[in-house]
């Protein structure tokens, strides 16, 4: 199994991650942000994901296309169609077999982040933005059918992990 994170996972991707998540990085347009995320994804696909898949490995990614489509496309107002087009170019045919959306109210998620560490630039965006993100992920998942599963993450971590493992096992059958 190969585990990757987005943005990041490569030398270029980690540099882009620092730019994107720096709380002092200032404002940027959602369109420019989408392009940066997709650039990091292209590098990750080329350097890590595609080679792992060619070897027959299972790849688990913390975030992938859905995050950019929802955060910048839907919640950020760029529009899903344009983001999906540049994302398809970046992925070069690589597509997840399963996306698991961990769903919980944004207030709960942001409170968990504050307890764990300081908030990054994205986490500092207004609550209204995070509410749009949640609605966007739920709508995105509904539109994907069995390729996307929503797991209620507003529960004990052991129950959430159990449900995630069950969904992965189902997908691997």
C-alpha atoms as a PDB file:
ATOM      1  CA  UNK A   1       0.000   0.000   0.000  1.00  0.00           C
ATOM      2  CA  UNK A   2       1.155   3.528  -0.825  1.00  0.00           C
ATOM      3  CA  UNK A   3      -0.081   6.439   1.283  1.00  0.00           C
ATOM      4  CA  UNK A   4       0.015   9.991  -0.120  1.00  0.00           C
ATOM      5  CA  UNK A   5      -1.338  13.363   0.936  1.00  0.00           C
ATOM      6  CA  UNK A   6      -2.568  16.358  -0.981  1.00  0.00           C
ATOM      7  CA  UNK A   7      -1.306  18.802  -1.546  1.00  0.00           C
ATOM      8  CA  UNK A   8       2.160  17.400  -1.055  1.00  0.00           C
ATOM      9  CA  UNK A   9       3.828  14.041  -1.366  1.00  0.00           C
ATOM     10  CA  UNK A  10       6.544  15.258  -3.740  1.00  0.00           C
ATOM     11  CA  UNK A  11       9.238  17.935  -3.500  1.00  0.00           C
ATOM     12  CA  UNK A  12       7.215  20.347  -5.659  1.00  0.00           C
ATOM     13  CA  UNK A  13       3.952  19.354  -3.987  1.00  0.00           C
ATOM     14  CA  UNK A  14       5.300  20.150  -0.526  1.00  0.00           C
ATOM     15  CA  UNK A  15       6.418  23.600  -1.701  1.00  0.00           C
ATOM     16  CA  UNK A  16       2.971  24.241  -3.156  1.00  0.00           C
ATOM     17  CA  UNK A  17       1.401  22.978   0.099  1.00  0.00           C
ATOM     18  CA  UNK A  18       3.359  25.547   2.106  1.00  0.00           C
ATOM     19  CA  UNK A  19       2.208  28.322  -0.220  1.00  0.00           C
ATOM     20  CA  UNK A  20      -1.427  27.221  -0.134  1.00  0.00           C
ATOM     21  CA  UNK A  21      -1.783  26.632   3.593  1.00  0.00           C
ATOM     22  CA  UNK A  22       0.397  29.441   4.991  1.00  0.00           C
ATOM     23  CA  UNK A  23      -1.864  31.443   7.330  1.00  0.00           C
ATOM     24  CA  UNK A  24       0.152  34.563   6.450  1.00  0.00           C
ATOM     25  CA  UNK A  25      -0.033  33.889   2.713  1.00  0.00           C
ATOM     26  CA  UNK A  26      -2.702  36.487   2.077  1.00  0.00           C
ATOM     27  CA  UNK A  27      -5.661  36.334  -0.235  1.00  0.00           C
ATOM     28  CA  UNK A  28      -5.589  34.727  -3.652  1.00  0.00           C
ATOM     29  CA  UNK A  29      -8.272  33.996  -6.178  1.00  0.00           C
ATOM     30  CA  UNK A  30     -10.027  30.635  -6.015  1.00  0.00           C
ATOM     31  CA  UNK A  31      -9.034  30.109  -9.657  1.00  0.00           C
ATOM     32  CA  UNK A  32      -5.318  30.556  -8.918  1.00  0.00           C
ATOM     33  CA  UNK A  33      -5.722  28.331  -5.879  1.00  0.00           C
ATOM     34  CA  UNK A  34      -7.363  25.598  -7.981  1.00  0.00           C
ATOM     35  CA  UNK A  35      -4.475  25.732 -10.458  1.00  0.00           C
ATOM     36  CA  UNK A  36      -1.933  25.363  -7.648  1.00  0.00           C
ATOM     37  CA  UNK A  37      -3.749  22.355  -6.176  1.00  0.00           C
ATOM     38  CA  UNK A  38      -4.000  20.757  -9.603  1.00  0.00           C
ATOM     39  CA  UNK A  39      -0.298  21.386 -10.301  1.00  0.00           C
ATOM     40  CA  UNK A  40       0.575  19.587  -7.065  1.00  0.00           C
ATOM     41  CA  UNK A  41      -1.771  16.742  -8.058  1.00  0.00           C
ATOM     42  CA  UNK A  42      -0.194  16.351 -11.502  1.00  0.00           C
ATOM     43  CA  UNK A  43       3.232  15.979  -9.919  1.00  0.00           C
ATOM     44  CA  UNK A  44       1.893  13.512  -7.336  1.00  0.00           C
ATOM     45  CA  UNK A  45       0.220  11.408 -10.022  1.00  0.00           C
ATOM     46  CA  UNK A  46       3.356  11.368 -12.198  1.00  0.00           C
ATOM     47  CA  UNK A  47       5.868  10.704  -9.422  1.00  0.00           C
ATOM     48  CA  UNK A  48       4.020   8.529  -6.933  1.00  0.00           C
ATOM     49  CA  UNK A  49       0.491   7.404  -7.796  1.00  0.00           C
ATOM     50  CA  UNK A  50       0.795   6.193 -11.405  1.00  0.00           C
ATOM     51  CA  UNK A  51       4.042   4.263 -10.743  1.00  0.00           C
ATOM     52  CA  UNK A  52       2.476   2.625  -7.674  1.00  0.00           C
ATOM     53  CA  UNK A  53      -0.616   1.617  -9.631  1.00  0.00           C
ATOM     54  CA  UNK A  54       1.544   0.168 -12.428  1.00  0.00           C
ATOM     55  CA  UNK A  55       3.244  -2.002  -9.767  1.00  0.00           C
ATOM     56  CA  UNK A  56      -0.186  -3.195  -8.630  1.00  0.00           C
ATOM     57  CA  UNK A  57      -0.132  -1.297  -5.318  1.00  0.00           C
ATOM     58  CA  UNK A  58      -3.185   0.072  -3.573  1.00  0.00           C
ATOM     59  CA  UNK A  59      -2.929   3.841  -3.178  1.00  0.00           C
ATOM     60  CA  UNK A  60      -4.622   5.698  -0.330  1.00  0.00           C
ATOM     61  CA  UNK A  61      -4.690   9.458  -0.673  1.00  0.00           C
ATOM     62  CA  UNK A  62      -5.660  12.050   1.895  1.00  0.00           C
ATOM     63  CA  UNK A  63      -7.678  14.240  -0.440  1.00  0.00           C
ATOM     64  CA  UNK A  64      -7.746  14.117  -4.212  1.00  0.00           C
ATOM     65  CA  UNK A  65      -9.836  15.588  -7.013  1.00  0.00           C
ATOM     66  CA  UNK A  66     -13.036  15.900  -5.013  1.00  0.00           C
ATOM     67  CA  UNK A  67     -11.366  18.333  -2.613  1.00  0.00           C
ATOM     68  CA  UNK A  68     -10.425  20.792  -5.355  1.00  0.00           C
ATOM     69  CA  UNK A  69     -13.784  20.422  -7.100  1.00  0.00           C
ATOM     70  CA  UNK A  70     -15.612  21.161  -3.855  1.00  0.00           C
ATOM     71  CA  UNK A  71     -13.349  23.681  -2.098  1.00  0.00           C
ATOM     72  CA  UNK A  72     -12.405  25.864  -5.050  1.00  0.00           C
ATOM     73  CA  UNK A  73     -15.040  24.867  -7.619  1.00  0.00           C
ATOM     74  CA  UNK A  74     -18.239  24.753  -5.574  1.00  0.00           C
ATOM     75  CA  UNK A  75     -17.524  26.589  -2.300  1.00  0.00           C
ATOM     76  CA  UNK A  76     -15.003  28.989  -3.842  1.00  0.00           C
ATOM     77  CA  UNK A  77     -17.279  29.915  -6.719  1.00  0.00           C
ATOM     78  CA  UNK A  78     -14.990  28.960  -9.612  1.00  0.00           C
ATOM     79  CA  UNK A  79     -17.462  26.343 -10.821  1.00  0.00           C
ATOM     80  CA  UNK A  80     -17.103  22.592 -10.881  1.00  0.00           C
ATOM     81  CA  UNK A  81     -16.911  22.259 -14.680  1.00  0.00           C
ATOM     82  CA  UNK A  82     -13.699  24.263 -15.104  1.00  0.00           C
ATOM     83  CA  UNK A  83     -12.037  22.607 -12.125  1.00  0.00           C
ATOM     84  CA  UNK A  84     -13.030  19.156 -13.377  1.00  0.00           C
ATOM     85  CA  UNK A  85     -11.455  19.950 -16.762  1.00  0.00           C
ATOM     86  CA  UNK A  86      -8.069  21.014 -15.392  1.00  0.00           C
ATOM     87  CA  UNK A  87      -8.188  18.187 -12.866  1.00  0.00           C
ATOM     88  CA  UNK A  88      -8.741  15.604 -15.618  1.00  0.00           C
ATOM     89  CA  UNK A  89      -5.649  16.941 -17.390  1.00  0.00           C
ATOM     90  CA  UNK A  90      -3.629  16.695 -14.153  1.00  0.00           C
ATOM     91  CA  UNK A  91      -4.796  13.155 -13.366  1.00  0.00           C
ATOM     92  CA  UNK A  92      -3.965  11.865 -16.857  1.00  0.00           C
ATOM     93  CA  UNK A  93      -6.483   9.021 -16.612  1.00  0.00           C
ATOM     94  CA  UNK A  94      -5.836   8.142 -12.956  1.00  0.00           C
ATOM     95  CA  UNK A  95      -9.106   7.942 -11.084  1.00  0.00           C
ATOM     96  CA  UNK A  96     -10.041   6.748  -7.595  1.00  0.00           C
ATOM     97  CA  UNK A  97     -12.064   3.574  -7.256  1.00  0.00           C
ATOM     98  CA  UNK A  98     -13.549   4.868  -4.017  1.00  0.00           C
ATOM     99  CA  UNK A  99     -13.758   8.224  -2.272  1.00  0.00           C
ATOM    100  CA  UNK A 100     -14.752   8.304   1.379  1.00  0.00           C
ATOM    101  CA  UNK A 101     -16.240  11.584   2.569  1.00  0.00           C
ATOM    102  CA  UNK A 102     -15.967  11.983   6.340  1.00  0.00           C
ATOM    103  CA  UNK A 103     -18.981  14.133   7.174  1.00  0.00           C
ATOM    104  CA  UNK A 104     -19.480  16.250  10.258  1.00  0.00           C
ATOM    105  CA  UNK A 105     -20.742  19.742  11.011  1.00  0.00           C
ATOM    106  CA  UNK A 106     -18.086  22.350  10.190  1.00  0.00           C
ATOM    107  CA  UNK A 107     -18.270  23.748  13.721  1.00  0.00           C
ATOM    108  CA  UNK A 108     -17.250  20.346  15.096  1.00  0.00           C
ATOM    109  CA  UNK A 109     -14.463  19.860  12.576  1.00  0.00           C
ATOM    110  CA  UNK A 110     -12.980  23.296  13.177  1.00  0.00           C
ATOM    111  CA  UNK A 111     -13.139  22.776  16.952  1.00  0.00           C
ATOM    112  CA  UNK A 112     -11.218  19.504  16.537  1.00  0.00           C
ATOM    113  CA  UNK A 113      -8.527  21.275  14.517  1.00  0.00           C
ATOM    114  CA  UNK A 114      -8.085  23.964  17.178  1.00  0.00           C
ATOM    115  CA  UNK A 115      -7.589  21.308  19.844  1.00  0.00           C
ATOM    116  CA  UNK A 116      -5.028  19.475  17.668  1.00  0.00           C
ATOM    117  CA  UNK A 117      -2.955  22.383  16.301  1.00  0.00           C
ATOM    118  CA  UNK A 118      -3.103  25.918  14.944  1.00  0.00           C
ATOM    119  CA  UNK A 119      -5.409  26.464  11.989  1.00  0.00           C
ATOM    120  CA  UNK A 120      -3.958  26.752   8.488  1.00  0.00           C
ATOM    121  CA  UNK A 121      -5.126  29.343   5.959  1.00  0.00           C
ATOM    122  CA  UNK A 122      -7.999  27.220   4.644  1.00  0.00           C
ATOM    123  CA  UNK A 123      -9.235  26.401   8.120  1.00  0.00           C
ATOM    124  CA  UNK A 124      -9.311  30.115   8.966  1.00  0.00           C
ATOM    125  CA  UNK A 125     -11.867  30.859   6.258  1.00  0.00           C
ATOM    126  CA  UNK A 126     -15.334  31.930   7.478  1.00  0.00           C
ATOM    127  CA  UNK A 127     -17.792  29.370   8.820  1.00  0.00           C
ATOM    128  CA  UNK A 128     -20.150  30.120   5.908  1.00  0.00           C
ATOM    129  CA  UNK A 129     -17.436  28.888   3.524  1.00  0.00           C
ATOM    130  CA  UNK A 130     -17.031  25.651   5.481  1.00  0.00           C
ATOM    131  CA  UNK A 131     -20.805  25.138   5.405  1.00  0.00           C
ATOM    132  CA  UNK A 132     -20.703  25.476   1.595  1.00  0.00           C
ATOM    133  CA  UNK A 133     -17.853  22.942   1.547  1.00  0.00           C
ATOM    134  CA  UNK A 134     -19.930  20.426   3.505  1.00  0.00           C
ATOM    135  CA  UNK A 135     -22.965  20.889   1.249  1.00  0.00           C
ATOM    136  CA  UNK A 136     -20.672  20.601  -1.782  1.00  0.00           C
ATOM    137  CA  UNK A 137     -19.106  17.339  -0.609  1.00  0.00           C
ATOM    138  CA  UNK A 138     -22.497  15.786   0.148  1.00  0.00           C
ATOM    139  CA  UNK A 139     -23.854  16.790  -3.272  1.00  0.00           C
ATOM    140  CA  UNK A 140     -20.652  15.626  -4.992  1.00  0.00           C
ATOM    141  CA  UNK A 141     -20.816  12.244  -3.243  1.00  0.00           C
ATOM    142  CA  UNK A 142     -24.505  11.746  -4.087  1.00  0.00           C
ATOM    143  CA  UNK A 143     -23.725  12.364  -7.765  1.00  0.00           C
ATOM    144  CA  UNK A 144     -20.964   9.699  -7.768  1.00  0.00           C
ATOM    145  CA  UNK A 145     -23.096   6.756  -6.681  1.00  0.00           C
ATOM    146  CA  UNK A 146     -21.110   3.808  -5.314  1.00  0.00           C
ATOM    147  CA  UNK A 147     -17.740   5.408  -6.126  1.00  0.00           C
ATOM    148  CA  UNK A 148     -18.229   7.805  -3.198  1.00  0.00           C
ATOM    149  CA  UNK A 149     -19.399   6.938   0.305  1.00  0.00           C
ATOM    150  CA  UNK A 150     -20.355   9.339   3.069  1.00  0.00           C
ATOM    151  CA  UNK A 151     -19.365   8.231   6.568  1.00  0.00           C
ATOM    152  CA  UNK A 152     -20.775  10.018   9.617  1.00  0.00           C
ATOM    153  CA  UNK A 153     -17.642  11.318  11.354  1.00  0.00           C
ATOM    154  CA  UNK A 154     -19.527  12.978  14.203  1.00  0.00           C
ATOM    155  CA  UNK A 155     -19.114   9.842  16.324  1.00  0.00           C
ATOM    156  CA  UNK A 156     -16.505   7.998  18.299  1.00  0.00           C
ATOM    157  CA  UNK A 157     -13.302   7.561  16.255  1.00  0.00           C
ATOM    158  CA  UNK A 158     -13.438   3.759  16.618  1.00  0.00           C
ATOM    159  CA  UNK A 159     -16.907   3.635  15.034  1.00  0.00           C
ATOM    160  CA  UNK A 160     -15.816   5.897  12.194  1.00  0.00           C
ATOM    161  CA  UNK A 161     -12.714   3.761  11.584  1.00  0.00           C
ATOM    162  CA  UNK A 162     -14.825   0.590  11.599  1.00  0.00           C
ATOM    163  CA  UNK A 163     -17.150   2.022   8.947  1.00  0.00           C
ATOM    164  CA  UNK A 164     -14.239   3.235   6.801  1.00  0.00           C
ATOM    165  CA  UNK A 165     -12.600  -0.216   6.952  1.00  0.00           C
ATOM    166  CA  UNK A 166     -15.900  -1.842   5.960  1.00  0.00           C
ATOM    167  CA  UNK A 167     -16.266   0.461   2.944  1.00  0.00           C
ATOM    168  CA  UNK A 168     -12.679  -0.189   1.837  1.00  0.00           C
ATOM    169  CA  UNK A 169     -13.162  -3.946   2.203  1.00  0.00           C
ATOM    170  CA  UNK A 170     -16.340  -3.717   0.089  1.00  0.00           C
ATOM    171  CA  UNK A 171     -14.505  -1.773  -2.612  1.00  0.00           C
ATOM    172  CA  UNK A 172     -11.641  -4.295  -2.696  1.00  0.00           C
ATOM    173  CA  UNK A 173     -13.945  -7.274  -3.284  1.00  0.00           C
END
